Amino acid sequence: ADECPVGKPDPAIYDFALRQLNARLPRPPLLRACECL
């Protein structure tokens, strides 16, 4: 919540986490939400 103050059930924290994961390993293919659990 320190990095993403919008709380669940808003999806913002998951969207943010996915963007951060892709920023760490930005080579294609990027990780997509439908590939996550």
PDB file of all heavy atoms in Angstrom:
ATOM      1  N   ALA A   1       0.826  -1.208   0.000  1.00  0.00           N
ATOM      2  CA  ALA A   1       0.000   0.000   0.000  1.00  0.00           C
ATOM      3  C   ALA A   1       0.862   1.260   0.000  1.00  0.00           C
ATOM      4  O   ALA A   1       0.393   2.327  -0.383  1.00  0.00           O
ATOM      5  CB  ALA A   1      -0.924  -0.007   1.213  1.00  0.00           C
ATOM      6  N   ASP A   2       2.119   1.137   0.397  1.00  0.00           N
ATOM      7  CA  ASP A   2       3.024   2.286   0.365  1.00  0.00           C
ATOM      8  C   ASP A   2       3.298   2.737  -1.067  1.00  0.00           C
ATOM      9  O   ASP A   2       3.485   3.926  -1.318  1.00  0.00           O
ATOM     10  CB  ASP A   2       4.349   1.956   1.061  1.00  0.00           C
ATOM     11  CG  ASP A   2       4.150   1.632   2.530  1.00  0.00           C
ATOM     12  OD1 ASP A   2       3.370   2.335   3.197  1.00  0.00           O
ATOM     13  OD2 ASP A   2       4.767   0.669   3.005  1.00  0.00           O
ATOM     14  N   GLU A   3       3.338   1.798  -2.003  1.00  0.00           N
ATOM     15  CA  GLU A   3       3.598   2.128  -3.406  1.00  0.00           C
ATOM     16  C   GLU A   3       2.316   2.325  -4.206  1.00  0.00           C
ATOM     17  O   GLU A   3       2.324   2.952  -5.254  1.00  0.00           O
ATOM     18  CB  GLU A   3       4.416   1.027  -4.102  1.00  0.00           C
ATOM     19  CG  GLU A   3       5.826   0.870  -3.611  1.00  0.00           C
ATOM     20  CD  GLU A   3       5.942   0.000  -2.378  1.00  0.00           C
ATOM     21  OE1 GLU A   3       5.104  -0.894  -2.174  1.00  0.00           O
ATOM     22  OE2 GLU A   3       6.861   0.243  -1.590  1.00  0.00           O
ATOM     23  N   CYS A   4       1.239   1.728  -3.737  1.00  0.00           N
ATOM     24  CA  CYS A   4      -0.028   1.779  -4.468  1.00  0.00           C
ATOM     25  C   CYS A   4      -1.155   2.003  -3.460  1.00  0.00           C
ATOM     26  O   CYS A   4      -1.743   1.040  -2.970  1.00  0.00           O
ATOM     27  CB  CYS A   4      -0.231   0.479  -5.245  1.00  0.00           C
ATOM     28  SG  CYS A   4      -1.633   0.517  -6.346  1.00  0.00           S
ATOM     29  N   PRO A   5      -1.449   3.263  -3.157  1.00  0.00           N
ATOM     30  CA  PRO A   5      -2.404   3.549  -2.091  1.00  0.00           C
ATOM     31  C   PRO A   5      -3.870   3.248  -2.409  1.00  0.00           C
ATOM     32  O   PRO A   5      -4.707   3.290  -1.522  1.00  0.00           O
ATOM     33  CB  PRO A   5      -2.197   5.039  -1.832  1.00  0.00           C
ATOM     34  CG  PRO A   5      -1.649   5.583  -3.104  1.00  0.00           C
ATOM     35  CD  PRO A   5      -0.852   4.468  -3.716  1.00  0.00           C
ATOM     36  N   VAL A   6      -4.186   2.923  -3.660  1.00  0.00           N
ATOM     37  CA  VAL A   6      -5.558   2.561  -4.004  1.00  0.00           C
ATOM     38  C   VAL A   6      -5.763   1.104  -3.590  1.00  0.00           C
ATOM     39  O   VAL A   6      -5.070   0.213  -4.059  1.00  0.00           O
ATOM     40  CB  VAL A   6      -5.828   2.738  -5.518  1.00  0.00           C
ATOM     41  CG1 VAL A   6      -7.247   2.354  -5.851  1.00  0.00           C
ATOM     42  CG2 VAL A   6      -5.531   4.155  -5.938  1.00  0.00           C
ATOM     43  N   GLY A   7      -6.700   0.872  -2.689  1.00  0.00           N
ATOM     44  CA  GLY A   7      -6.873  -0.464  -2.129  1.00  0.00           C
ATOM     45  C   GLY A   7      -7.729  -1.392  -2.961  1.00  0.00           C
ATOM     46  O   GLY A   7      -8.464  -0.978  -3.847  1.00  0.00           O
ATOM     47  N   LYS A   8      -7.595  -2.668  -2.644  1.00  0.00           N
ATOM     48  CA  LYS A   8      -8.441  -3.690  -3.238  1.00  0.00           C
ATOM     49  C   LYS A   8      -9.858  -3.436  -2.750  1.00  0.00           C
ATOM     50  O   LYS A   8     -10.033  -2.995  -1.619  1.00  0.00           O
ATOM     51  CB  LYS A   8      -7.961  -5.077  -2.808  1.00  0.00           C
ATOM     52  CG  LYS A   8      -6.534  -5.389  -3.241  1.00  0.00           C
ATOM     53  CD  LYS A   8      -6.041  -6.678  -2.596  1.00  0.00           C
ATOM     54  CE  LYS A   8      -4.572  -6.916  -2.871  1.00  0.00           C
ATOM     55  NZ  LYS A   8      -4.045  -8.089  -2.165  1.00  0.00           N
ATOM     56  N   PRO A   9     -10.868  -3.616  -3.540  1.00  0.00           N
ATOM     57  CA  PRO A   9     -10.984  -4.412  -4.760  1.00  0.00           C
ATOM     58  C   PRO A   9     -10.587  -3.695  -6.048  1.00  0.00           C
ATOM     59  O   PRO A   9     -10.780  -4.249  -7.127  1.00  0.00           O
ATOM     60  CB  PRO A   9     -12.462  -4.791  -4.796  1.00  0.00           C
ATOM     61  CG  PRO A   9     -13.157  -3.676  -4.138  1.00  0.00           C
ATOM     62  CD  PRO A   9     -12.201  -3.187  -3.064  1.00  0.00           C
ATOM     63  N   ASP A  10     -10.057  -2.500  -5.969  1.00  0.00           N
ATOM     64  CA  ASP A  10      -9.530  -1.864  -7.174  1.00  0.00           C
ATOM     65  C   ASP A  10      -8.336  -2.699  -7.647  1.00  0.00           C
ATOM     66  O   ASP A  10      -7.509  -3.127  -6.841  1.00  0.00           O
ATOM     67  CB  ASP A  10      -9.090  -0.433  -6.850  1.00  0.00           C
ATOM     68  CG  ASP A  10      -8.756   0.340  -8.094  1.00  0.00           C
ATOM     69  OD1 ASP A  10      -7.694   0.051  -8.697  1.00  0.00           O
ATOM     70  OD2 ASP A  10      -9.547   1.225  -8.470  1.00  0.00           O
ATOM     71  N   PRO A  11      -8.199  -2.923  -8.945  1.00  0.00           N
ATOM     72  CA  PRO A  11      -7.114  -3.760  -9.456  1.00  0.00           C
ATOM     73  C   PRO A  11      -5.759  -3.053  -9.555  1.00  0.00           C
ATOM     74  O   PRO A  11      -4.779  -3.650 -10.006  1.00  0.00           O
ATOM     75  CB  PRO A  11      -7.611  -4.156 -10.848  1.00  0.00           C
ATOM     76  CG  PRO A  11      -8.467  -3.014 -11.262  1.00  0.00           C
ATOM     77  CD  PRO A  11      -9.140  -2.544  -9.996  1.00  0.00           C
ATOM     78  N   ALA A  12      -5.664  -1.805  -9.115  1.00  0.00           N
ATOM     79  CA  ALA A  12      -4.453  -1.006  -9.310  1.00  0.00           C
ATOM     80  C   ALA A  12      -3.183  -1.693  -8.815  1.00  0.00           C
ATOM     81  O   ALA A  12      -2.149  -1.632  -9.474  1.00  0.00           O
ATOM     82  CB  ALA A  12      -4.617   0.355  -8.636  1.00  0.00           C
ATOM     83  N   ILE A  13      -3.235  -2.364  -7.674  1.00  0.00           N
ATOM     84  CA  ILE A  13      -2.017  -2.964  -7.132  1.00  0.00           C
ATOM     85  C   ILE A  13      -1.524  -4.110  -8.015  1.00  0.00           C
ATOM     86  O   ILE A  13      -0.327  -4.299  -8.184  1.00  0.00           O
ATOM     87  CB  ILE A  13      -2.200  -3.403  -5.664  1.00  0.00           C
ATOM     88  CG1 ILE A  13      -0.824  -3.620  -5.023  1.00  0.00           C
ATOM     89  CG2 ILE A  13      -3.105  -4.625  -5.550  1.00  0.00           C
ATOM     90  CD1 ILE A  13      -0.837  -3.602  -3.518  1.00  0.00           C
ATOM     91  N   TYR A  14      -2.451  -4.854  -8.617  1.00  0.00           N
ATOM     92  CA  TYR A  14      -2.038  -5.936  -9.519  1.00  0.00           C
ATOM     93  C   TYR A  14      -1.528  -5.384 -10.843  1.00  0.00           C
ATOM     94  O   TYR A  14      -0.546  -5.880 -11.392  1.00  0.00           O
ATOM     95  CB  TYR A  14      -3.185  -6.925  -9.742  1.00  0.00           C
ATOM     96  CG  TYR A  14      -3.465  -7.727  -8.502  1.00  0.00           C
ATOM     97  CD1 TYR A  14      -4.729  -7.734  -7.937  1.00  0.00           C
ATOM     98  CD2 TYR A  14      -2.466  -8.458  -7.880  1.00  0.00           C
ATOM     99  CE1 TYR A  14      -4.980  -8.448  -6.779  1.00  0.00           C
ATOM    100  CE2 TYR A  14      -2.708  -9.162  -6.730  1.00  0.00           C
ATOM    101  CZ  TYR A  14      -3.960  -9.170  -6.181  1.00  0.00           C
ATOM    102  OH  TYR A  14      -4.201  -9.877  -5.035  1.00  0.00           O
ATOM    103  N   ASP A  15      -2.166  -4.347 -11.347  1.00  0.00           N
ATOM    104  CA  ASP A  15      -1.685  -3.695 -12.566  1.00  0.00           C
ATOM    105  C   ASP A  15      -0.278  -3.135 -12.343  1.00  0.00           C
ATOM    106  O   ASP A  15       0.608  -3.296 -13.185  1.00  0.00           O
ATOM    107  CB  ASP A  15      -2.628  -2.562 -12.989  1.00  0.00           C
ATOM    108  CG  ASP A  15      -4.017  -3.052 -13.371  1.00  0.00           C
ATOM    109  OD1 ASP A  15      -4.165  -4.235 -13.745  1.00  0.00           O
ATOM    110  OD2 ASP A  15      -4.967  -2.245 -13.276  1.00  0.00           O
ATOM    111  N   PHE A  16      -0.074  -2.490 -11.202  1.00  0.00           N
ATOM    112  CA  PHE A  16       1.223  -1.913 -10.868  1.00  0.00           C
ATOM    113  C   PHE A  16       2.283  -3.007 -10.735  1.00  0.00           C
ATOM    114  O   PHE A  16       3.403  -2.873 -11.249  1.00  0.00           O
ATOM    115  CB  PHE A  16       1.115  -1.097  -9.573  1.00  0.00           C
ATOM    116  CG  PHE A  16       2.390  -0.445  -9.157  1.00  0.00           C
ATOM    117  CD1 PHE A  16       2.850   0.689  -9.802  1.00  0.00           C
ATOM    118  CD2 PHE A  16       3.143  -0.961  -8.109  1.00  0.00           C
ATOM    119  CE1 PHE A  16       4.041   1.295  -9.415  1.00  0.00           C
ATOM    120  CE2 PHE A  16       4.323  -0.366  -7.712  1.00  0.00           C
ATOM    121  CZ  PHE A  16       4.772   0.770  -8.372  1.00  0.00           C
ATOM    122  N   ALA A  17       1.958  -4.081 -10.042  1.00  0.00           N
ATOM    123  CA  ALA A  17       2.913  -5.180  -9.860  1.00  0.00           C
ATOM    124  C   ALA A  17       3.314  -5.788 -11.200  1.00  0.00           C
ATOM    125  O   ALA A  17       4.499  -6.070 -11.438  1.00  0.00           O
ATOM    126  CB  ALA A  17       2.319  -6.251  -8.940  1.00  0.00           C
ATOM    127  N   LEU A  18       2.355  -5.970 -12.094  1.00  0.00           N
ATOM    128  CA  LEU A  18       2.664  -6.527 -13.413  1.00  0.00           C
ATOM    129  C   LEU A  18       3.586  -5.594 -14.192  1.00  0.00           C
ATOM    130  O   LEU A  18       4.555  -6.039 -14.816  1.00  0.00           O
ATOM    131  CB  LEU A  18       1.374  -6.805 -14.192  1.00  0.00           C
ATOM    132  CG  LEU A  18       1.538  -7.451 -15.556  1.00  0.00           C
ATOM    133  CD1 LEU A  18       2.292  -8.768 -15.476  1.00  0.00           C
ATOM    134  CD2 LEU A  18       0.171  -7.656 -16.202  1.00  0.00           C
ATOM    135  N   ARG A  19       3.309  -4.294 -14.147  1.00  0.00           N
ATOM    136  CA  ARG A  19       4.196  -3.328 -14.824  1.00  0.00           C
ATOM    137  C   ARG A  19       5.609  -3.381 -14.236  1.00  0.00           C
ATOM    138  O   ARG A  19       6.598  -3.328 -14.969  1.00  0.00           O
ATOM    139  CB  ARG A  19       3.635  -1.908 -14.710  1.00  0.00           C
ATOM    140  CG  ARG A  19       2.471  -1.636 -15.645  1.00  0.00           C
ATOM    141  CD  ARG A  19       2.150  -0.148 -15.758  1.00  0.00           C
ATOM    142  NE  ARG A  19       1.994   0.548 -14.498  1.00  0.00           N
ATOM    143  CZ  ARG A  19       0.880   0.588 -13.770  1.00  0.00           C
ATOM    144  NH1 ARG A  19      -0.216  -0.042 -14.197  1.00  0.00           N
ATOM    145  NH2 ARG A  19       0.833   1.249 -12.632  1.00  0.00           N
ATOM    146  N   GLN A  20       5.701  -3.504 -12.934  1.00  0.00           N
ATOM    147  CA  GLN A  20       7.016  -3.561 -12.288  1.00  0.00           C
ATOM    148  C   GLN A  20       7.765  -4.845 -12.650  1.00  0.00           C
ATOM    149  O   GLN A  20       8.972  -4.821 -12.890  1.00  0.00           O
ATOM    150  CB  GLN A  20       6.869  -3.445 -10.765  1.00  0.00           C
ATOM    151  CG  GLN A  20       6.376  -2.103 -10.294  1.00  0.00           C
ATOM    152  CD  GLN A  20       7.315  -0.986 -10.697  1.00  0.00           C
ATOM    153  OE1 GLN A  20       8.496  -1.020 -10.418  1.00  0.00           O
ATOM    154  NE2 GLN A  20       6.780   0.005 -11.389  1.00  0.00           N
ATOM    155  N   LEU A  21       7.063  -5.959 -12.704  1.00  0.00           N
ATOM    156  CA  LEU A  21       7.695  -7.218 -13.119  1.00  0.00           C
ATOM    157  C   LEU A  21       8.217  -7.105 -14.547  1.00  0.00           C
ATOM    158  O   LEU A  21       9.340  -7.523 -14.842  1.00  0.00           O
ATOM    159  CB  LEU A  21       6.715  -8.388 -13.005  1.00  0.00           C
ATOM    160  CG  LEU A  21       6.452  -8.907 -11.598  1.00  0.00           C
ATOM    161  CD1 LEU A  21       5.307  -9.903 -11.613  1.00  0.00           C
ATOM    162  CD2 LEU A  21       7.706  -9.534 -11.009  1.00  0.00           C
ATOM    163  N   ASN A  22       7.413  -6.539 -15.421  1.00  0.00           N
ATOM    164  CA  ASN A  22       7.844  -6.381 -16.816  1.00  0.00           C
ATOM    165  C   ASN A  22       8.989  -5.387 -16.945  1.00  0.00           C
ATOM    166  O   ASN A  22       9.845  -5.534 -17.823  1.00  0.00           O
ATOM    167  CB  ASN A  22       6.671  -5.993 -17.703  1.00  0.00           C
ATOM    168  CG  ASN A  22       5.822  -7.194 -18.076  1.00  0.00           C
ATOM    169  OD1 ASN A  22       6.327  -8.306 -18.212  1.00  0.00           O
ATOM    170  ND2 ASN A  22       4.530  -6.989 -18.196  1.00  0.00           N
ATOM    171  N   ALA A  23       9.053  -4.395 -16.080  1.00  0.00           N
ATOM    172  CA  ALA A  23      10.153  -3.432 -16.112  1.00  0.00           C
ATOM    173  C   ALA A  23      11.465  -4.092 -15.684  1.00  0.00           C
ATOM    174  O   ALA A  23      12.538  -3.701 -16.142  1.00  0.00           O
ATOM    175  CB  ALA A  23       9.842  -2.241 -15.214  1.00  0.00           C
ATOM    176  N   ARG A  24      11.378  -5.101 -14.842  1.00  0.00           N
ATOM    177  CA  ARG A  24      12.583  -5.802 -14.380  1.00  0.00           C
ATOM    178  C   ARG A  24      13.166  -6.697 -15.469  1.00  0.00           C
ATOM    179  O   ARG A  24      14.361  -6.866 -15.547  1.00  0.00           O
ATOM    180  CB  ARG A  24      12.269  -6.644 -13.152  1.00  0.00           C
ATOM    181  CG  ARG A  24      12.035  -5.817 -11.932  1.00  0.00           C
ATOM    182  CD  ARG A  24      11.505  -6.673 -10.791  1.00  0.00           C
ATOM    183  NE  ARG A  24      11.343  -5.857  -9.624  1.00  0.00           N
ATOM    184  CZ  ARG A  24      12.182  -5.856  -8.595  1.00  0.00           C
ATOM    185  NH1 ARG A  24      13.212  -6.656  -8.600  1.00  0.00           N
ATOM    186  NH2 ARG A  24      11.970  -5.066  -7.567  1.00  0.00           N
ATOM    187  N   LEU A  25      12.308  -7.322 -16.238  1.00  0.00           N
ATOM    188  CA  LEU A  25      12.737  -8.172 -17.346  1.00  0.00           C
ATOM    189  C   LEU A  25      11.966  -7.737 -18.584  1.00  0.00           C
ATOM    190  O   LEU A  25      11.033  -8.420 -19.017  1.00  0.00           O
ATOM    191  CB  LEU A  25      12.459  -9.651 -17.040  1.00  0.00           C
ATOM    192  CG  LEU A  25      13.318 -10.294 -15.963  1.00  0.00           C
ATOM    193  CD1 LEU A  25      12.842 -11.704 -15.662  1.00  0.00           C
ATOM    194  CD2 LEU A  25      14.780 -10.314 -16.376  1.00  0.00           C
ATOM    195  N   PRO A  26      12.352  -6.592 -19.159  1.00  0.00           N
ATOM    196  CA  PRO A  26      11.530  -6.012 -20.223  1.00  0.00           C
ATOM    197  C   PRO A  26      11.680  -6.659 -21.598  1.00  0.00           C
ATOM    198  O   PRO A  26      11.111  -6.189 -22.561  1.00  0.00           O
ATOM    199  CB  PRO A  26      12.014  -4.559 -20.255  1.00  0.00           C
ATOM    200  CG  PRO A  26      13.421  -4.630 -19.775  1.00  0.00           C
ATOM    201  CD  PRO A  26      13.460  -5.744 -18.773  1.00  0.00           C
ATOM    202  N   ARG A  27      12.401  -7.753 -21.688  1.00  0.00           N
ATOM    203  CA  ARG A  27      12.552  -8.344 -23.013  1.00  0.00           C
ATOM    204  C   ARG A  27      11.272  -9.078 -23.420  1.00  0.00           C
ATOM    205  O   ARG A  27      10.611  -9.686 -22.572  1.00  0.00           O
ATOM    206  CB  ARG A  27      13.744  -9.276 -23.049  1.00  0.00           C
ATOM    207  CG  ARG A  27      13.640 -10.433 -22.080  1.00  0.00           C
ATOM    208  CD  ARG A  27      14.948 -11.241 -22.066  1.00  0.00           C
ATOM    209  NE  ARG A  27      14.873 -12.305 -21.108  1.00  0.00           N
ATOM    210  CZ  ARG A  27      15.193 -12.191 -19.836  1.00  0.00           C
ATOM    211  NH1 ARG A  27      15.619 -11.060 -19.377  1.00  0.00           N
ATOM    212  NH2 ARG A  27      15.093 -13.224 -19.025  1.00  0.00           N
ATOM    213  N   PRO A  28      10.934  -9.003 -24.699  1.00  0.00           N
ATOM    214  CA  PRO A  28       9.728  -9.709 -25.170  1.00  0.00           C
ATOM    215  C   PRO A  28       9.898 -11.213 -25.020  1.00  0.00           C
ATOM    216  O   PRO A  28      11.012 -11.708 -25.102  1.00  0.00           O
ATOM    217  CB  PRO A  28       9.636  -9.313 -26.637  1.00  0.00           C
ATOM    218  CG  PRO A  28      10.467  -8.078 -26.747  1.00  0.00           C
ATOM    219  CD  PRO A  28      11.548  -8.192 -25.712  1.00  0.00           C
ATOM    220  N   PRO A  29       8.844 -11.946 -24.835  1.00  0.00           N
ATOM    221  CA  PRO A  29       7.482 -11.438 -24.668  1.00  0.00           C
ATOM    222  C   PRO A  29       7.262 -10.978 -23.223  1.00  0.00           C
ATOM    223  O   PRO A  29       7.718 -11.620 -22.286  1.00  0.00           O
ATOM    224  CB  PRO A  29       6.608 -12.638 -25.002  1.00  0.00           C
ATOM    225  CG  PRO A  29       7.433 -13.821 -24.585  1.00  0.00           C
ATOM    226  CD  PRO A  29       8.877 -13.421 -24.850  1.00  0.00           C
ATOM    227  N   LEU A  30       6.575  -9.879 -23.071  1.00  0.00           N
ATOM    228  CA  LEU A  30       6.258  -9.379 -21.740  1.00  0.00           C
ATOM    229  C   LEU A  30       5.193 -10.258 -21.089  1.00  0.00           C
ATOM    230  O   LEU A  30       4.359 -10.856 -21.766  1.00  0.00           O
ATOM    231  CB  LEU A  30       5.755  -7.938 -21.829  1.00  0.00           C
ATOM    232  CG  LEU A  30       6.768  -6.907 -22.338  1.00  0.00           C
ATOM    233  CD1 LEU A  30       6.120  -5.539 -22.423  1.00  0.00           C
ATOM    234  CD2 LEU A  30       8.005  -6.874 -21.478  1.00  0.00           C
ATOM    235  N   LEU A  31       5.258 -10.327 -19.800  1.00  0.00           N
ATOM    236  CA  LEU A  31       4.282 -11.077 -19.022  1.00  0.00           C
ATOM    237  C   LEU A  31       2.920 -10.396 -19.140  1.00  0.00           C
ATOM    238  O   LEU A  31       2.816  -9.179 -18.986  1.00  0.00           O
ATOM    239  CB  LEU A  31       4.740 -11.103 -17.564  1.00  0.00           C
ATOM    240  CG  LEU A  31       4.008 -11.986 -16.583  1.00  0.00           C
ATOM    241  CD1 LEU A  31       4.063 -13.448 -17.015  1.00  0.00           C
ATOM    242  CD2 LEU A  31       4.642 -11.826 -15.203  1.00  0.00           C
ATOM    243  N   ARG A  32       1.892 -11.177 -19.439  1.00  0.00           N
ATOM    244  CA  ARG A  32       0.533 -10.628 -19.556  1.00  0.00           C
ATOM    245  C   ARG A  32      -0.314 -11.080 -18.371  1.00  0.00           C
ATOM    246  O   ARG A  32      -0.049 -12.120 -17.780  1.00  0.00           O
ATOM    247  CB  ARG A  32      -0.116 -11.116 -20.857  1.00  0.00           C
ATOM    248  CG  ARG A  32       0.629 -10.651 -22.110  1.00  0.00           C
ATOM    249  CD  ARG A  32       0.029 -11.207 -23.367  1.00  0.00           C
ATOM    250  NE  ARG A  32       0.080 -12.676 -23.307  1.00  0.00           N
ATOM    251  CZ  ARG A  32      -0.700 -13.476 -24.007  1.00  0.00           C
ATOM    252  NH1 ARG A  32      -1.596 -12.988 -24.839  1.00  0.00           N
ATOM    253  NH2 ARG A  32      -0.608 -14.781 -23.894  1.00  0.00           N
ATOM    254  N   ALA A  33      -1.317 -10.278 -18.051  1.00  0.00           N
ATOM    255  CA  ALA A  33      -2.185 -10.585 -16.911  1.00  0.00           C
ATOM    256  C   ALA A  33      -2.793 -11.984 -17.023  1.00  0.00           C
ATOM    257  O   ALA A  33      -2.878 -12.716 -16.032  1.00  0.00           O
ATOM    258  CB  ALA A  33      -3.282  -9.533 -16.778  1.00  0.00           C
ATOM    259  N   CYS A  34      -3.182 -12.375 -18.209  1.00  0.00           N
ATOM    260  CA  CYS A  34      -3.825 -13.680 -18.395  1.00  0.00           C
ATOM    261  C   CYS A  34      -2.868 -14.848 -18.170  1.00  0.00           C
ATOM    262  O   CYS A  34      -3.290 -15.996 -18.096  1.00  0.00           O
ATOM    263  CB  CYS A  34      -4.476 -13.765 -19.768  1.00  0.00           C
ATOM    264  SG  CYS A  34      -3.309 -13.700 -21.142  1.00  0.00           S
ATOM    265  N   GLU A  35      -1.567 -14.559 -18.031  1.00  0.00           N
ATOM    266  CA  GLU A  35      -0.569 -15.589 -17.763  1.00  0.00           C
ATOM    267  C   GLU A  35      -0.217 -15.668 -16.282  1.00  0.00           C
ATOM    268  O   GLU A  35       0.613 -16.476 -15.878  1.00  0.00           O
ATOM    269  CB  GLU A  35       0.713 -15.295 -18.549  1.00  0.00           C
ATOM    270  CG  GLU A  35       0.505 -15.277 -20.042  1.00  0.00           C
ATOM    271  CD  GLU A  35       1.698 -14.736 -20.799  1.00  0.00           C
ATOM    272  OE1 GLU A  35       2.318 -13.752 -20.340  1.00  0.00           O
ATOM    273  OE2 GLU A  35       2.000 -15.302 -21.859  1.00  0.00           O
ATOM    274  N   CYS A  36      -0.833 -14.816 -15.496  1.00  0.00           N
ATOM    275  CA  CYS A  36      -0.518 -14.725 -14.064  1.00  0.00           C
ATOM    276  C   CYS A  36      -1.581 -15.416 -13.216  1.00  0.00           C
ATOM    277  O   CYS A  36      -2.682 -15.673 -13.671  1.00  0.00           O
ATOM    278  CB  CYS A  36      -0.422 -13.256 -13.657  1.00  0.00           C
ATOM    279  SG  CYS A  36       0.888 -12.353 -14.493  1.00  0.00           S
ATOM    280  N   LEU A  37      -1.210 -15.643 -11.979  1.00  0.00           N
ATOM    281  CA  LEU A  37      -2.122 -16.205 -10.995  1.00  0.00           C
ATOM    282  C   LEU A  37      -2.028 -15.375  -9.724  1.00  0.00           C
ATOM    283  O   LEU A  37      -0.940 -15.074  -9.247  1.00  0.00           O
ATOM    284  CB  LEU A  37      -1.741 -17.652 -10.664  1.00  0.00           C
ATOM    285  CG  LEU A  37      -2.532 -18.313  -9.535  1.00  0.00           C
ATOM    286  CD1 LEU A  37      -3.982 -18.520  -9.942  1.00  0.00           C
ATOM    287  CD2 LEU A  37      -1.881 -19.624  -9.132  1.00  0.00           C
TER     288      LEU A  37
END
